């Protein structure tokens, strides 16, 4: 009897671990929510106007900031981080639900 109850609890927890990240991912991709801000924009990365000709690192930094905006990089990294976390939760939820199903099959 306890295996049956534990099996149903594990199955429900596993299904919730699968459904919640999928709903959150859908909300992120439709623009209703933002992913967790793990990466933020460093305040020092800005385009500088008064760079001398001999300041090669400053010129390279300006070129990179103009070519790849820091906000784009941060948003992409935050999205990839959320997708990785969501995948881990869905995979773990599948394993938890699988254990619950095995417990239910064992009872019958």
Protein backbone atom coordinates (compact mmCIF):
# COMPACT_ATOMS: atom_id res chain seq x y z
CA UNK A 1 0.00 0.00 0.00
CA UNK A 2 2.79 2.43 0.83
CA UNK A 3 4.52 1.61 -2.46
CA UNK A 4 1.34 2.51 -4.32
CA UNK A 5 1.00 5.87 -2.52
CA UNK A 6 4.71 6.61 -2.97
CA UNK A 7 4.44 5.65 -6.64
CA UNK A 8 1.58 8.09 -7.23
CA UNK A 9 3.40 10.85 -5.33
CA UNK A 10 6.59 10.34 -7.34
CA UNK A 11 4.61 10.24 -10.57
CA UNK A 12 2.85 13.51 -9.71
CA UNK A 13 6.10 15.21 -8.67
CA UNK A 14 7.81 14.03 -11.85
CA UNK A 15 5.00 15.30 -14.07
CA UNK A 16 5.08 18.68 -12.29
CA UNK A 17 8.86 18.82 -12.75
CA UNK A 18 8.24 18.39 -16.47
CA UNK A 19 5.25 20.71 -16.91
CA UNK A 20 6.45 23.76 -14.92
CA UNK A 21 9.71 24.33 -16.87
CA UNK A 22 7.88 23.83 -20.16
CA UNK A 23 5.30 26.47 -19.23
CA UNK A 24 8.04 28.87 -18.09
CA UNK A 25 10.00 28.31 -21.29
CA UNK A 26 6.87 28.98 -23.36
CA UNK A 27 6.32 32.23 -21.44
CA UNK A 28 9.93 33.28 -22.03
CA UNK A 29 9.79 32.62 -25.76
CA UNK A 30 6.46 34.41 -26.16
CA UNK A 31 7.79 37.46 -24.28
CA UNK A 32 5.48 37.18 -21.28
CA UNK A 33 8.43 36.61 -18.93
CA UNK A 34 12.18 37.13 -18.89
CA UNK A 35 14.71 34.41 -18.09
CA UNK A 36 16.59 34.69 -14.81
CA UNK A 37 19.28 37.37 -15.09
CA UNK A 38 22.37 35.32 -14.29
CA UNK A 39 24.61 37.48 -16.47
CA UNK A 40 24.47 41.27 -16.27
CA UNK A 41 26.07 44.02 -18.30
CA UNK A 42 29.39 45.23 -16.91
CA UNK A 43 29.30 49.02 -16.52
CA UNK A 44 32.76 49.52 -18.04
CA UNK A 45 31.83 48.25 -21.52
CA UNK A 46 30.68 51.36 -23.30
CA UNK A 47 31.69 52.97 -26.57
CA UNK A 48 34.28 55.66 -25.89
CA UNK A 49 34.44 58.70 -28.13
CA UNK A 50 37.89 60.05 -27.32
CA UNK A 51 40.17 57.10 -28.17
CA UNK A 52 43.62 57.97 -29.41
CA UNK A 53 45.22 56.28 -32.39
CA UNK A 54 47.82 54.61 -30.17
CA UNK A 55 45.21 53.05 -27.85
CA UNK A 56 44.86 49.74 -29.69
CA UNK A 57 43.02 47.86 -26.89
CA UNK A 58 40.50 50.71 -26.64
CA UNK A 59 39.90 50.65 -30.38
CA UNK A 60 39.40 46.86 -30.32
CA UNK A 61 36.96 47.17 -27.42
CA UNK A 62 35.01 49.87 -29.28
CA UNK A 63 34.84 47.72 -32.41
CA UNK A 64 33.62 44.68 -30.45
CA UNK A 65 31.02 46.66 -28.50
CA UNK A 66 29.69 48.14 -31.75
CA UNK A 67 29.66 44.78 -33.58
CA UNK A 68 28.19 42.65 -30.77
CA UNK A 69 26.09 44.63 -28.31
CA UNK A 70 26.65 43.56 -24.72
CA UNK A 71 22.91 43.30 -24.09
CA UNK A 72 22.59 40.77 -26.92
CA UNK A 73 25.38 38.65 -25.47
CA UNK A 74 23.94 38.83 -21.93
CA UNK A 75 20.41 37.99 -23.09
CA UNK A 76 21.71 35.05 -25.13
CA UNK A 77 23.72 33.70 -22.20
CA UNK A 78 20.74 34.09 -19.86
CA UNK A 79 18.51 32.25 -22.33
CA UNK A 80 21.00 29.40 -22.76
CA UNK A 81 21.34 29.16 -18.97
CA UNK A 82 17.56 28.90 -18.57
CA UNK A 83 17.31 26.28 -21.33
CA UNK A 84 20.03 24.20 -19.67
CA UNK A 85 18.30 24.42 -16.29
CA UNK A 86 14.93 23.62 -17.88
CA UNK A 87 16.39 20.60 -19.65
CA UNK A 88 17.88 19.33 -16.38
CA UNK A 89 14.50 19.73 -14.64
CA UNK A 90 12.60 17.96 -17.43
CA UNK A 91 15.12 15.12 -17.52
CA UNK A 92 15.04 14.76 -13.74
CA UNK A 93 11.25 14.89 -13.75
CA UNK A 94 11.19 12.08 -16.29
CA UNK A 95 13.43 9.96 -14.09
CA UNK A 96 11.33 10.66 -10.97
CA UNK A 97 8.12 9.81 -12.85
CA UNK A 98 9.78 6.64 -14.17
CA UNK A 99 10.59 5.54 -10.62
CA UNK A 100 6.96 6.21 -9.65
CA UNK A 101 5.68 4.14 -12.57
CA UNK A 102 8.01 1.26 -11.65
CA UNK A 103 6.69 1.34 -8.09
CA UNK A 104 3.10 1.25 -9.39
CA UNK A 105 3.85 -1.69 -11.70
CA UNK A 106 5.51 -3.55 -8.83
CA UNK A 107 2.35 -3.30 -6.71
CA UNK A 108 0.02 -4.87 -9.32
